[in-house]
Amino acid sequence: MGDPKLIYSLEIRVLDLERKVEGLEKQLEASLSARKTSPSGGLAPLPAALLKRINDGENAVRVVRQFRLMTQRELGDRSGIRPNHISAIERGMSYGLKSARRLSEALDIPVDVLLDRS
């Protein structure tokens, strides 16, 4: 029917991939479980390098949006804020608490990250 060595090789690779997927699923489950029980209310932690960029004066919305690999349009869809308004915020326009809450929820960060720098 086929080359037995090739079939065996493919079966080994499939088993290896299944084992890797199982390990990743366990890591994901542990991560989600930790987020639910974390004191930060289940928000994803930001890497120190990102917080340093924000503390050095970069716009927090832009830094986190880019870290989350989101476009302004995607952030707008998730937050209910028009993309052109997000663009203005990223250029330094001030914004209120309501917008800060919407952005923090959409970006999955604590609102104080945005309020301390806005």
PDB file of N, CA and C in Angstrom:
ATOM      1  N   MET A   1       0.817  -1.189   0.000  1.00  0.00           N
ATOM      2  CA  MET A   1       0.000   0.000   0.000  1.00  0.00           C
ATOM      3  C   MET A   1       0.861   1.253   0.000  1.00  0.00           C
ATOM      4  N   GLY A   2       1.786   1.343   0.898  1.00  0.00           N
ATOM      5  CA  GLY A   2       2.673   2.491   0.960  1.00  0.00           C
ATOM      6  C   GLY A   2       3.974   2.078   1.597  1.00  0.00           C
ATOM      7  N   ASP A   3       4.881   2.997   1.635  1.00  0.00           N
ATOM      8  CA  ASP A   3       6.175   2.738   2.251  1.00  0.00           C
ATOM      9  C   ASP A   3       6.002   2.655   3.770  1.00  0.00           C
ATOM     10  N   PRO A   4       6.279   1.506   4.386  1.00  0.00           N
ATOM     11  CA  PRO A   4       6.079   1.353   5.828  1.00  0.00           C
ATOM     12  C   PRO A   4       6.932   2.320   6.659  1.00  0.00           C
ATOM     13  N   LYS A   5       8.140   2.606   6.185  1.00  0.00           N
ATOM     14  CA  LYS A   5       8.994   3.528   6.924  1.00  0.00           C
ATOM     15  C   LYS A   5       8.399   4.945   6.924  1.00  0.00           C
ATOM     16  N   LEU A   6       7.845   5.348   5.791  1.00  0.00           N
ATOM     17  CA  LEU A   6       7.231   6.666   5.689  1.00  0.00           C
ATOM     18  C   LEU A   6       5.994   6.752   6.587  1.00  0.00           C
ATOM     19  N   ILE A   7       5.185   5.720   6.548  1.00  0.00           N
ATOM     20  CA  ILE A   7       3.970   5.699   7.379  1.00  0.00           C
ATOM     21  C   ILE A   7       4.341   5.759   8.855  1.00  0.00           C
ATOM     22  N   TYR A   8       5.331   4.964   9.263  1.00  0.00           N
ATOM     23  CA  TYR A   8       5.780   4.962  10.653  1.00  0.00           C
ATOM     24  C   TYR A   8       6.306   6.347  11.043  1.00  0.00           C
ATOM     25  N   SER A   9       7.094   6.955  10.156  1.00  0.00           N
ATOM     26  CA  SER A   9       7.639   8.287  10.414  1.00  0.00           C
ATOM     27  C   SER A   9       6.524   9.308  10.610  1.00  0.00           C
ATOM     28  N   LEU A  10       5.509   9.235   9.778  1.00  0.00           N
ATOM     29  CA  LEU A  10       4.383  10.162   9.885  1.00  0.00           C
ATOM     30  C   LEU A  10       3.586   9.917  11.165  1.00  0.00           C
ATOM     31  N   GLU A  11       3.407   8.664  11.534  1.00  0.00           N
ATOM     32  CA  GLU A  11       2.683   8.352  12.766  1.00  0.00           C
ATOM     33  C   GLU A  11       3.418   8.910  13.982  1.00  0.00           C
ATOM     34  N   ILE A  12       4.738   8.793  13.983  1.00  0.00           N
ATOM     35  CA  ILE A  12       5.536   9.332  15.088  1.00  0.00           C
ATOM     36  C   ILE A  12       5.378  10.844  15.161  1.00  0.00           C
ATOM     37  N   ARG A  13       5.383  11.502  14.029  1.00  0.00           N
ATOM     38  CA  ARG A  13       5.216  12.964  14.006  1.00  0.00           C
ATOM     39  C   ARG A  13       3.843  13.372  14.507  1.00  0.00           C
ATOM     40  N   VAL A  14       2.817  12.631  14.116  1.00  0.00           N
ATOM     41  CA  VAL A  14       1.461  12.932  14.577  1.00  0.00           C
ATOM     42  C   VAL A  14       1.373  12.764  16.087  1.00  0.00           C
ATOM     43  N   LEU A  15       1.951  11.692  16.612  1.00  0.00           N
ATOM     44  CA  LEU A  15       1.936  11.474  18.063  1.00  0.00           C
ATOM     45  C   LEU A  15       2.682  12.596  18.789  1.00  0.00           C
ATOM     46  N   ASP A  16       3.812  13.030  18.227  1.00  0.00           N
ATOM     47  CA  ASP A  16       4.574  14.117  18.817  1.00  0.00           C
ATOM     48  C   ASP A  16       3.765  15.417  18.823  1.00  0.00           C
ATOM     49  N   LEU A  17       3.100  15.707  17.720  1.00  0.00           N
ATOM     50  CA  LEU A  17       2.263  16.906  17.646  1.00  0.00           C
ATOM     51  C   LEU A  17       1.100  16.837  18.630  1.00  0.00           C
ATOM     52  N   GLU A  18       0.486  15.679  18.753  1.00  0.00           N
ATOM     53  CA  GLU A  18      -0.621  15.525  19.702  1.00  0.00           C
ATOM     54  C   GLU A  18      -0.141  15.777  21.124  1.00  0.00           C
ATOM     55  N   ARG A  19       1.057  15.298  21.454  1.00  0.00           N
ATOM     56  CA  ARG A  19       1.615  15.511  22.785  1.00  0.00           C
ATOM     57  C   ARG A  19       1.892  17.003  23.017  1.00  0.00           C
ATOM     58  N   LYS A  20       2.403  17.686  21.999  1.00  0.00           N
ATOM     59  CA  LYS A  20       2.663  19.122  22.121  1.00  0.00           C
ATOM     60  C   LYS A  20       1.364  19.906  22.283  1.00  0.00           C
ATOM     61  N   VAL A  21       0.350  19.553  21.521  1.00  0.00           N
ATOM     62  CA  VAL A  21      -0.948  20.231  21.625  1.00  0.00           C
ATOM     63  C   VAL A  21      -1.524  20.015  23.018  1.00  0.00           C
ATOM     64  N   GLU A  22      -1.420  18.814  23.544  1.00  0.00           N
ATOM     65  CA  GLU A  22      -1.918  18.530  24.884  1.00  0.00           C
ATOM     66  C   GLU A  22      -1.198  19.387  25.926  1.00  0.00           C
ATOM     67  N   GLY A  23       0.120  19.526  25.782  1.00  0.00           N
ATOM     68  CA  GLY A  23       0.883  20.372  26.698  1.00  0.00           C
ATOM     69  C   GLY A  23       0.472  21.828  26.608  1.00  0.00           C
ATOM     70  N   LEU A  24       0.255  22.320  25.399  1.00  0.00           N
ATOM     71  CA  LEU A  24      -0.184  23.705  25.218  1.00  0.00           C
ATOM     72  C   LEU A  24      -1.577  23.932  25.786  1.00  0.00           C
ATOM     73  N   GLU A  25      -2.452  22.947  25.613  1.00  0.00           N
ATOM     74  CA  GLU A  25      -3.801  23.074  26.175  1.00  0.00           C
ATOM     75  C   GLU A  25      -3.744  23.148  27.695  1.00  0.00           C
ATOM     76  N   LYS A  26      -2.861  22.366  28.314  1.00  0.00           N
ATOM     77  CA  LYS A  26      -2.711  22.410  29.773  1.00  0.00           C
ATOM     78  C   LYS A  26      -2.177  23.761  30.220  1.00  0.00           C
ATOM     79  N   GLN A  27      -1.196  24.301  29.469  1.00  0.00           N
ATOM     80  CA  GLN A  27      -0.656  25.619  29.806  1.00  0.00           C
ATOM     81  C   GLN A  27      -1.724  26.698  29.685  1.00  0.00           C
ATOM     82  N   LEU A  28      -2.528  26.624  28.637  1.00  0.00           N
ATOM     83  CA  LEU A  28      -3.596  27.593  28.434  1.00  0.00           C
ATOM     84  C   LEU A  28      -4.620  27.504  29.557  1.00  0.00           C
ATOM     85  N   GLU A  29      -4.988  26.295  29.922  1.00  0.00           N
ATOM     86  CA  GLU A  29      -5.950  26.102  31.002  1.00  0.00           C
ATOM     87  C   GLU A  29      -5.414  26.654  32.314  1.00  0.00           C
ATOM     88  N   ALA A  30      -4.136  26.403  32.596  1.00  0.00           N
ATOM     89  CA  ALA A  30      -3.525  26.918  33.822  1.00  0.00           C
ATOM     90  C   ALA A  30      -3.473  28.446  33.802  1.00  0.00           C
ATOM     91  N   SER A  31      -3.163  29.006  32.652  1.00  0.00           N
ATOM     92  CA  SER A  31      -3.097  30.456  32.524  1.00  0.00           C
ATOM     93  C   SER A  31      -4.466  31.094  32.736  1.00  0.00           C
ATOM     94  N   LEU A  32      -5.484  30.513  32.109  1.00  0.00           N
ATOM     95  CA  LEU A  32      -6.837  31.043  32.278  1.00  0.00           C
ATOM     96  C   LEU A  32      -7.308  30.899  33.713  1.00  0.00           C
ATOM     97  N   SER A  33      -6.967  29.800  34.340  1.00  0.00           N
ATOM     98  CA  SER A  33      -7.341  29.583  35.735  1.00  0.00           C
ATOM     99  C   SER A  33      -6.658  30.618  36.631  1.00  0.00           C
ATOM    100  N   ALA A  34      -5.392  30.886  36.369  1.00  0.00           N
ATOM    101  CA  ALA A  34      -4.663  31.871  37.161  1.00  0.00           C
ATOM    102  C   ALA A  34      -5.238  33.265  36.969  1.00  0.00           C
ATOM    103  N   ARG A  35      -5.654  33.591  35.744  1.00  0.00           N
ATOM    104  CA  ARG A  35      -6.244  34.907  35.484  1.00  0.00           C
ATOM    105  C   ARG A  35      -7.547  35.089  36.243  1.00  0.00           C
ATOM    106  N   LYS A  36      -8.337  34.009  36.347  1.00  0.00           N
ATOM    107  CA  LYS A  36      -9.626  34.118  37.035  1.00  0.00           C
ATOM    108  C   LYS A  36      -9.442  34.352  38.523  1.00  0.00           C
ATOM    109  N   THR A  37      -8.372  33.818  39.104  1.00  0.00           N
ATOM    110  CA  THR A  37      -8.158  33.939  40.539  1.00  0.00           C
ATOM    111  C   THR A  37      -7.178  35.044  40.898  1.00  0.00           C
ATOM    112  N   SER A  38      -6.672  35.772  39.912  1.00  0.00           N
ATOM    113  CA  SER A  38      -5.682  36.815  40.193  1.00  0.00           C
ATOM    114  C   SER A  38      -6.352  38.039  40.810  1.00  0.00           C
ATOM    115  N   PRO A  39      -5.611  38.749  41.667  1.00  0.00           N
ATOM    116  CA  PRO A  39      -6.178  39.939  42.297  1.00  0.00           C
ATOM    117  C   PRO A  39      -6.400  41.086  41.322  1.00  0.00           C
ATOM    118  N   SER A  40      -5.813  41.022  40.125  1.00  0.00           N
ATOM    119  CA  SER A  40      -5.984  42.111  39.161  1.00  0.00           C
ATOM    120  C   SER A  40      -7.293  42.003  38.396  1.00  0.00           C
ATOM    121  N   GLY A  41      -8.164  41.067  38.815  1.00  0.00           N
ATOM    122  CA  GLY A  41      -9.465  40.954  38.174  1.00  0.00           C
ATOM    123  C   GLY A  41      -9.426  40.201  36.864  1.00  0.00           C
ATOM    124  N   GLY A  42      -8.399  39.412  36.649  1.00  0.00           N
ATOM    125  CA  GLY A  42      -8.336  38.605  35.443  1.00  0.00           C
ATOM    126  C   GLY A  42      -7.759  39.317  34.241  1.00  0.00           C
ATOM    127  N   LEU A  43      -7.129  40.457  34.460  1.00  0.00           N
ATOM    128  CA  LEU A  43      -6.541  41.179  33.336  1.00  0.00           C
ATOM    129  C   LEU A  43      -5.165  40.616  33.024  1.00  0.00           C
ATOM    130  N   ALA A  44      -4.828  40.623  31.756  1.00  0.00           N
ATOM    131  CA  ALA A  44      -3.540  40.095  31.341  1.00  0.00           C
ATOM    132  C   ALA A  44      -2.426  41.022  31.799  1.00  0.00           C
ATOM    133  N   PRO A  45      -1.355  40.459  32.370  1.00  0.00           N
ATOM    134  CA  PRO A  45      -0.249  41.312  32.802  1.00  0.00           C
ATOM    135  C   PRO A  45       0.516  41.845  31.594  1.00  0.00           C
ATOM    136  N   LEU A  46       1.080  43.019  31.761  1.00  0.00           N
ATOM    137  CA  LEU A  46       1.878  43.620  30.688  1.00  0.00           C
ATOM    138  C   LEU A  46       3.355  43.374  30.974  1.00  0.00           C
ATOM    139  N   PRO A  47       4.127  43.081  29.950  1.00  0.00           N
ATOM    140  CA  PRO A  47       5.567  42.899  30.155  1.00  0.00           C
ATOM    141  C   PRO A  47       6.218  44.186  30.665  1.00  0.00           C
ATOM    142  N   ALA A  48       7.286  44.016  31.415  1.00  0.00           N
ATOM    143  CA  ALA A  48       7.990  45.162  31.986  1.00  0.00           C
ATOM    144  C   ALA A  48       8.486  46.118  30.902  1.00  0.00           C
ATOM    145  N   ALA A  49       8.916  45.566  29.773  1.00  0.00           N
ATOM    146  CA  ALA A  49       9.413  46.418  28.683  1.00  0.00           C
ATOM    147  C   ALA A  49       8.316  47.347  28.164  1.00  0.00           C
ATOM    148  N   LEU A  50       7.079  46.842  28.140  1.00  0.00           N
ATOM    149  CA  LEU A  50       5.956  47.661  27.688  1.00  0.00           C
ATOM    150  C   LEU A  50       5.676  48.780  28.686  1.00  0.00           C
ATOM    151  N   LEU A  51       5.681  48.432  29.962  1.00  0.00           N
ATOM    152  CA  LEU A  51       5.441  49.447  30.994  1.00  0.00           C
ATOM    153  C   LEU A  51       6.542  50.502  30.981  1.00  0.00           C
ATOM    154  N   LYS A  52       7.769  50.092  30.702  1.00  0.00           N
ATOM    155  CA  LYS A  52       8.869  51.055  30.613  1.00  0.00           C
ATOM    156  C   LYS A  52       8.639  52.020  29.462  1.00  0.00           C
ATOM    157  N   ARG A  53       8.213  51.502  28.305  1.00  0.00           N
ATOM    158  CA  ARG A  53       7.934  52.379  27.162  1.00  0.00           C
ATOM    159  C   ARG A  53       6.856  53.393  27.512  1.00  0.00           C
ATOM    160  N   ILE A  54       5.820  52.931  28.207  1.00  0.00           N
ATOM    161  CA  ILE A  54       4.727  53.826  28.599  1.00  0.00           C
ATOM    162  C   ILE A  54       5.243  54.869  29.593  1.00  0.00           C
ATOM    163  N   ASN A  55       6.023  54.412  30.580  1.00  0.00           N
ATOM    164  CA  ASN A  55       6.572  55.345  31.575  1.00  0.00           C
ATOM    165  C   ASN A  55       7.555  56.325  30.961  1.00  0.00           C
ATOM    166  N   ASP A  56       8.178  55.934  29.860  1.00  0.00           N
ATOM    167  CA  ASP A  56       9.112  56.833  29.164  1.00  0.00           C
ATOM    168  C   ASP A  56       8.392  57.850  28.286  1.00  0.00           C
ATOM    169  N   GLY A  57       7.066  57.798  28.257  1.00  0.00           N
ATOM    170  CA  GLY A  57       6.313  58.834  27.563  1.00  0.00           C
ATOM    171  C   GLY A  57       5.576  58.402  26.304  1.00  0.00           C
ATOM    172  N   GLU A  58       5.729  57.152  25.891  1.00  0.00           N
ATOM    173  CA  GLU A  58       4.976  56.708  24.713  1.00  0.00           C
ATOM    174  C   GLU A  58       3.507  56.601  25.072  1.00  0.00           C
ATOM    175  N   ASN A  59       2.650  56.756  24.079  1.00  0.00           N
ATOM    176  CA  ASN A  59       1.212  56.707  24.304  1.00  0.00           C
ATOM    177  C   ASN A  59       0.801  55.292  24.705  1.00  0.00           C
ATOM    178  N   ALA A  60       0.146  55.163  25.860  1.00  0.00           N
ATOM    179  CA  ALA A  60      -0.222  53.859  26.402  1.00  0.00           C
ATOM    180  C   ALA A  60      -1.174  53.104  25.484  1.00  0.00           C
ATOM    181  N   VAL A  61      -2.140  53.807  24.908  1.00  0.00           N
ATOM    182  CA  VAL A  61      -3.110  53.145  24.023  1.00  0.00           C
ATOM    183  C   VAL A  61      -2.391  52.552  22.819  1.00  0.00           C
ATOM    184  N   ARG A  62      -1.522  53.322  22.201  1.00  0.00           N
ATOM    185  CA  ARG A  62      -0.803  52.841  21.020  1.00  0.00           C
ATOM    186  C   ARG A  62       0.113  51.666  21.364  1.00  0.00           C
ATOM    187  N   VAL A  63       0.861  51.792  22.463  1.00  0.00           N
ATOM    188  CA  VAL A  63       1.819  50.750  22.851  1.00  0.00           C
ATOM    189  C   VAL A  63       1.090  49.426  23.095  1.00  0.00           C
ATOM    190  N   VAL A  64       0.018  49.474  23.869  1.00  0.00           N
ATOM    191  CA  VAL A  64      -0.695  48.236  24.195  1.00  0.00           C
ATOM    192  C   VAL A  64      -1.440  47.711  22.967  1.00  0.00           C
ATOM    193  N   ARG A  65      -2.027  48.594  22.178  1.00  0.00           N
ATOM    194  CA  ARG A  65      -2.735  48.154  20.970  1.00  0.00           C
ATOM    195  C   ARG A  65      -1.787  47.420  20.036  1.00  0.00           C
ATOM    196  N   GLN A  66      -0.618  47.975  19.833  1.00  0.00           N
ATOM    197  CA  GLN A  66       0.355  47.320  18.958  1.00  0.00           C
ATOM    198  C   GLN A  66       0.853  46.017  19.571  1.00  0.00           C
ATOM    199  N   PHE A  67       1.037  45.989  20.885  1.00  0.00           N
ATOM    200  CA  PHE A  67       1.453  44.761  21.562  1.00  0.00           C
ATOM    201  C   PHE A  67       0.400  43.667  21.381  1.00  0.00           C
ATOM    202  N   ARG A  68      -0.862  44.053  21.403  1.00  0.00           N
ATOM    203  CA  ARG A  68      -1.956  43.093  21.225  1.00  0.00           C
ATOM    204  C   ARG A  68      -2.202  42.777  19.747  1.00  0.00           C
ATOM    205  N   LEU A  69      -1.376  43.373  18.870  1.00  0.00           N
ATOM    206  CA  LEU A  69      -1.464  43.148  17.418  1.00  0.00           C
ATOM    207  C   LEU A  69      -2.837  43.533  16.869  1.00  0.00           C
ATOM    208  N   MET A  70      -3.329  44.688  17.322  1.00  0.00           N
ATOM    209  CA  MET A  70      -4.634  45.172  16.886  1.00  0.00           C
ATOM    210  C   MET A  70      -4.456  46.411  16.019  1.00  0.00           C
ATOM    211  N   THR A  71      -5.329  46.559  15.050  1.00  0.00           N
ATOM    212  CA  THR A  71      -5.374  47.792  14.286  1.00  0.00           C
ATOM    213  C   THR A  71      -6.274  48.775  15.037  1.00  0.00           C
ATOM    214  N   GLN A  72      -6.233  50.033  14.615  1.00  0.00           N
ATOM    215  CA  GLN A  72      -7.131  51.012  15.230  1.00  0.00           C
ATOM    216  C   GLN A  72      -8.584  50.642  14.962  1.00  0.00           C
ATOM    217  N   ARG A  73      -8.842  50.094  13.795  1.00  0.00           N
ATOM    218  CA  ARG A  73     -10.208  49.675  13.460  1.00  0.00           C
ATOM    219  C   ARG A  73     -10.669  48.535  14.386  1.00  0.00           C
ATOM    220  N   GLU A  74      -9.781  47.556  14.624  1.00  0.00           N
ATOM    221  CA  GLU A  74     -10.142  46.447  15.513  1.00  0.00           C
ATOM    222  C   GLU A  74     -10.386  46.939  16.935  1.00  0.00           C
ATOM    223  N   LEU A  75      -9.530  47.844  17.394  1.00  0.00           N
ATOM    224  CA  LEU A  75      -9.730  48.411  18.727  1.00  0.00           C
ATOM    225  C   LEU A  75     -11.034  49.198  18.773  1.00  0.00           C
ATOM    226  N   GLY A  76     -11.326  49.904  17.705  1.00  0.00           N
ATOM    227  CA  GLY A  76     -12.592  50.636  17.632  1.00  0.00           C
ATOM    228  C   GLY A  76     -13.791  49.708  17.694  1.00  0.00           C
ATOM    229  N   ASP A  77     -13.715  48.596  16.981  1.00  0.00           N
ATOM    230  CA  ASP A  77     -14.817  47.628  17.004  1.00  0.00           C
ATOM    231  C   ASP A  77     -15.011  47.042  18.402  1.00  0.00           C
ATOM    232  N   ARG A  78     -13.913  46.761  19.072  1.00  0.00           N
ATOM    233  CA  ARG A  78     -13.999  46.160  20.404  1.00  0.00           C
ATOM    234  C   ARG A  78     -14.413  47.155  21.479  1.00  0.00           C
ATOM    235  N   SER A  79     -14.045  48.420  21.299  1.00  0.00           N
ATOM    236  CA  SER A  79     -14.307  49.414  22.338  1.00  0.00           C
ATOM    237  C   SER A  79     -15.539  50.272  22.078  1.00  0.00           C
ATOM    238  N   GLY A  80     -16.011  50.287  20.836  1.00  0.00           N
ATOM    239  CA  GLY A  80     -17.127  51.153  20.499  1.00  0.00           C
ATOM    240  C   GLY A  80     -16.707  52.597  20.274  1.00  0.00           C
ATOM    241  N   ILE A  81     -15.418  52.801  20.079  1.00  0.00           N
ATOM    242  CA  ILE A  81     -14.887  54.141  19.814  1.00  0.00           C
ATOM    243  C   ILE A  81     -14.435  54.173  18.358  1.00  0.00           C
ATOM    244  N   ARG A  82     -14.800  55.234  17.645  1.00  0.00           N
ATOM    245  CA  ARG A  82     -14.438  55.320  16.223  1.00  0.00           C
ATOM    246  C   ARG A  82     -12.923  55.303  16.042  1.00  0.00           C
ATOM    247  N   PRO A  83     -12.457  54.650  14.989  1.00  0.00           N
ATOM    248  CA  PRO A  83     -11.007  54.581  14.736  1.00  0.00           C
ATOM    249  C   PRO A  83     -10.332  55.945  14.624  1.00  0.00           C
ATOM    250  N   ASN A  84     -11.034  56.935  14.049  1.00  0.00           N
ATOM    251  CA  ASN A  84     -10.410  58.259  13.944  1.00  0.00           C
ATOM    252  C   ASN A  84     -10.250  58.908  15.320  1.00  0.00           C
ATOM    253  N   HIS A  85     -11.136  58.583  16.253  1.00  0.00           N
ATOM    254  CA  HIS A  85     -11.003  59.080  17.622  1.00  0.00           C
ATOM    255  C   HIS A  85      -9.832  58.376  18.308  1.00  0.00           C
ATOM    256  N   ILE A  86      -9.677  57.078  18.058  1.00  0.00           N
ATOM    257  CA  ILE A  86      -8.538  56.341  18.617  1.00  0.00           C
ATOM    258  C   ILE A  86      -7.233  56.923  18.078  1.00  0.00           C
ATOM    259  N   SER A  87      -7.215  57.241  16.803  1.00  0.00           N
ATOM    260  CA  SER A  87      -6.029  57.848  16.208  1.00  0.00           C
ATOM    261  C   SER A  87      -5.699  59.165  16.904  1.00  0.00           C
ATOM    262  N   ALA A  88      -6.717  59.968  17.166  1.00  0.00           N
ATOM    263  CA  ALA A  88      -6.500  61.247  17.851  1.00  0.00           C
ATOM    264  C   ALA A  88      -5.992  61.025  19.280  1.00  0.00           C
ATOM    265  N   ILE A  89      -6.542  60.033  19.965  1.00  0.00           N
ATOM    266  CA  ILE A  89      -6.090  59.716  21.324  1.00  0.00           C
ATOM    267  C   ILE A  89      -4.614  59.317  21.292  1.00  0.00           C
ATOM    268  N   GLU A  90      -4.251  58.498  20.309  1.00  0.00           N
ATOM    269  CA  GLU A  90      -2.857  58.052  20.202  1.00  0.00           C
ATOM    270  C   GLU A  90      -1.907  59.203  19.863  1.00  0.00           C
ATOM    271  N   ARG A  91      -2.438  60.267  19.270  1.00  0.00           N
ATOM    272  CA  ARG A  91      -1.614  61.438  18.966  1.00  0.00           C
ATOM    273  C   ARG A  91      -1.569  62.423  20.138  1.00  0.00           C
ATOM    274  N   GLY A  92      -2.286  62.111  21.216  1.00  0.00           N
ATOM    275  CA  GLY A  92      -2.191  62.944  22.406  1.00  0.00           C
ATOM    276  C   GLY A  92      -3.447  63.665  22.822  1.00  0.00           C
ATOM    277  N   MET A  93      -4.545  63.492  22.102  1.00  0.00           N
ATOM    278  CA  MET A  93      -5.790  64.139  22.494  1.00  0.00           C
ATOM    279  C   MET A  93      -6.260  63.573  23.835  1.00  0.00           C
ATOM    280  N   SER A  94      -6.751  64.426  24.695  1.00  0.00           N
ATOM    281  CA  SER A  94      -7.239  63.956  25.996  1.00  0.00           C
ATOM    282  C   SER A  94      -8.569  63.229  25.813  1.00  0.00           C
ATOM    283  N   TYR A  95      -8.879  62.382  26.777  1.00  0.00           N
ATOM    284  CA  TYR A  95     -10.128  61.625  26.733  1.00  0.00           C
ATOM    285  C   TYR A  95     -10.618  61.411  28.150  1.00  0.00           C
ATOM    286  N   GLY A  96     -11.891  61.129  28.254  1.00  0.00           N
ATOM    287  CA  GLY A  96     -12.525  61.008  29.557  1.00  0.00           C
ATOM    288  C   GLY A  96     -12.493  59.602  30.132  1.00  0.00           C
ATOM    289  N   LEU A  97     -13.079  59.493  31.311  1.00  0.00           N
ATOM    290  CA  LEU A  97     -13.113  58.230  32.036  1.00  0.00           C
ATOM    291  C   LEU A  97     -13.891  57.160  31.273  1.00  0.00           C
ATOM    292  N   LYS A  98     -14.983  57.561  30.630  1.00  0.00           N
ATOM    293  CA  LYS A  98     -15.785  56.590  29.880  1.00  0.00           C
ATOM    294  C   LYS A  98     -14.966  55.964  28.754  1.00  0.00           C
ATOM    295  N   SER A  99     -14.244  56.791  28.018  1.00  0.00           N
ATOM    296  CA  SER A  99     -13.390  56.279  26.944  1.00  0.00           C
ATOM    297  C   SER A  99     -12.261  55.434  27.511  1.00  0.00           C
ATOM    298  N   ALA A 100     -11.685  55.861  28.630  1.00  0.00           N
ATOM    299  CA  ALA A 100     -10.597  55.107  29.258  1.00  0.00           C
ATOM    300  C   ALA A 100     -11.090  53.720  29.669  1.00  0.00           C
ATOM    301  N   ARG A 101     -12.287  53.640  30.212  1.00  0.00           N
ATOM    302  CA  ARG A 101     -12.849  52.332  30.605  1.00  0.00           C
ATOM    303  C   ARG A 101     -13.077  51.450  29.394  1.00  0.00           C
ATOM    304  N   ARG A 102     -13.641  52.030  28.352  1.00  0.00           N
ATOM    305  CA  ARG A 102     -13.874  51.244  27.130  1.00  0.00           C
ATOM    306  C   ARG A 102     -12.566  50.724  26.551  1.00  0.00           C
ATOM    307  N   LEU A 103     -11.563  51.595  26.497  1.00  0.00           N
ATOM    308  CA  LEU A 103     -10.269  51.196  25.955  1.00  0.00           C
ATOM    309  C   LEU A 103      -9.592  50.146  26.829  1.00  0.00           C
ATOM    310  N   SER A 104      -9.670  50.321  28.137  1.00  0.00           N
ATOM    311  CA  SER A 104      -9.023  49.354  29.028  1.00  0.00           C
ATOM    312  C   SER A 104      -9.663  47.978  28.911  1.00  0.00           C
ATOM    313  N   GLU A 105     -10.977  47.933  28.775  1.00  0.00           N
ATOM    314  CA  GLU A 105     -11.651  46.644  28.595  1.00  0.00           C
ATOM    315  C   GLU A 105     -11.277  46.017  27.258  1.00  0.00           C
ATOM    316  N   ALA A 106     -11.238  46.820  26.223  1.00  0.00           N
ATOM    317  CA  ALA A 106     -10.908  46.300  24.891  1.00  0.00           C
ATOM    318  C   ALA A 106      -9.454  45.843  24.810  1.00  0.00           C
ATOM    319  N   LEU A 107      -8.568  46.524  25.533  1.00  0.00           N
ATOM    320  CA  LEU A 107      -7.148  46.187  25.506  1.00  0.00           C
ATOM    321  C   LEU A 107      -6.772  45.173  26.593  1.00  0.00           C
ATOM    322  N   ASP A 108      -7.714  44.869  27.480  1.00  0.00           N
ATOM    323  CA  ASP A 108      -7.503  43.895  28.548  1.00  0.00           C
ATOM    324  C   ASP A 108      -6.391  44.354  29.494  1.00  0.00           C
ATOM    325  N   ILE A 109      -6.497  45.613  29.927  1.00  0.00           N
ATOM    326  CA  ILE A 109      -5.528  46.178  30.867  1.00  0.00           C
ATOM    327  C   ILE A 109      -6.273  46.945  31.952  1.00  0.00           C
ATOM    328  N   PRO A 110      -5.633  47.164  33.099  1.00  0.00           N
ATOM    329  CA  PRO A 110      -6.269  47.995  34.133  1.00  0.00           C
ATOM    330  C   PRO A 110      -6.424  49.427  33.635  1.00  0.00           C
ATOM    331  N   VAL A 111      -7.513  50.053  34.000  1.00  0.00           N
ATOM    332  CA  VAL A 111      -7.794  51.413  33.531  1.00  0.00           C
ATOM    333  C   VAL A 111      -6.738  52.398  34.022  1.00  0.00           C
ATOM    334  N   ASP A 112      -6.109  52.127  35.168  1.00  0.00           N
ATOM    335  CA  ASP A 112      -5.122  53.079  35.686  1.00  0.00           C
ATOM    336  C   ASP A 112      -3.886  53.189  34.800  1.00  0.00           C
ATOM    337  N   VAL A 113      -3.609  52.184  33.986  1.00  0.00           N
ATOM    338  CA  VAL A 113      -2.499  52.289  33.037  1.00  0.00           C
ATOM    339  C   VAL A 113      -2.763  53.430  32.063  1.00  0.00           C
ATOM    340  N   LEU A 114      -4.010  53.622  31.699  1.00  0.00           N
ATOM    341  CA  LEU A 114      -4.382  54.685  30.767  1.00  0.00           C
ATOM    342  C   LEU A 114      -4.554  56.016  31.488  1.00  0.00           C
ATOM    343  N   LEU A 115      -5.102  56.005  32.664  1.00  0.00           N
ATOM    344  CA  LEU A 115      -5.415  57.258  33.358  1.00  0.00           C
ATOM    345  C   LEU A 115      -4.162  57.948  33.891  1.00  0.00           C
ATOM    346  N   ASP A 116      -3.161  57.193  34.287  1.00  0.00           N
ATOM    347  CA  ASP A 116      -1.940  57.790  34.813  1.00  0.00           C
ATOM    348  C   ASP A 116      -1.171  58.547  33.743  1.00  0.00           C
ATOM    349  N   ARG A 117      -1.413  58.206  32.464  1.00  0.00           N
ATOM    350  CA  ARG A 117      -0.623  58.791  31.391  1.00  0.00           C
ATOM    351  C   ARG A 117      -1.425  59.697  30.485  1.00  0.00           C
ATOM    352  N   SER A 118      -2.738  59.718  30.625  1.00  0.00           N
ATOM    353  CA  SER A 118      -3.547  60.494  29.681  1.00  0.00           C
ATOM    354  C   SER A 118      -3.532  61.965  29.979  1.00  0.00           C
TER     355      SER A 118
END
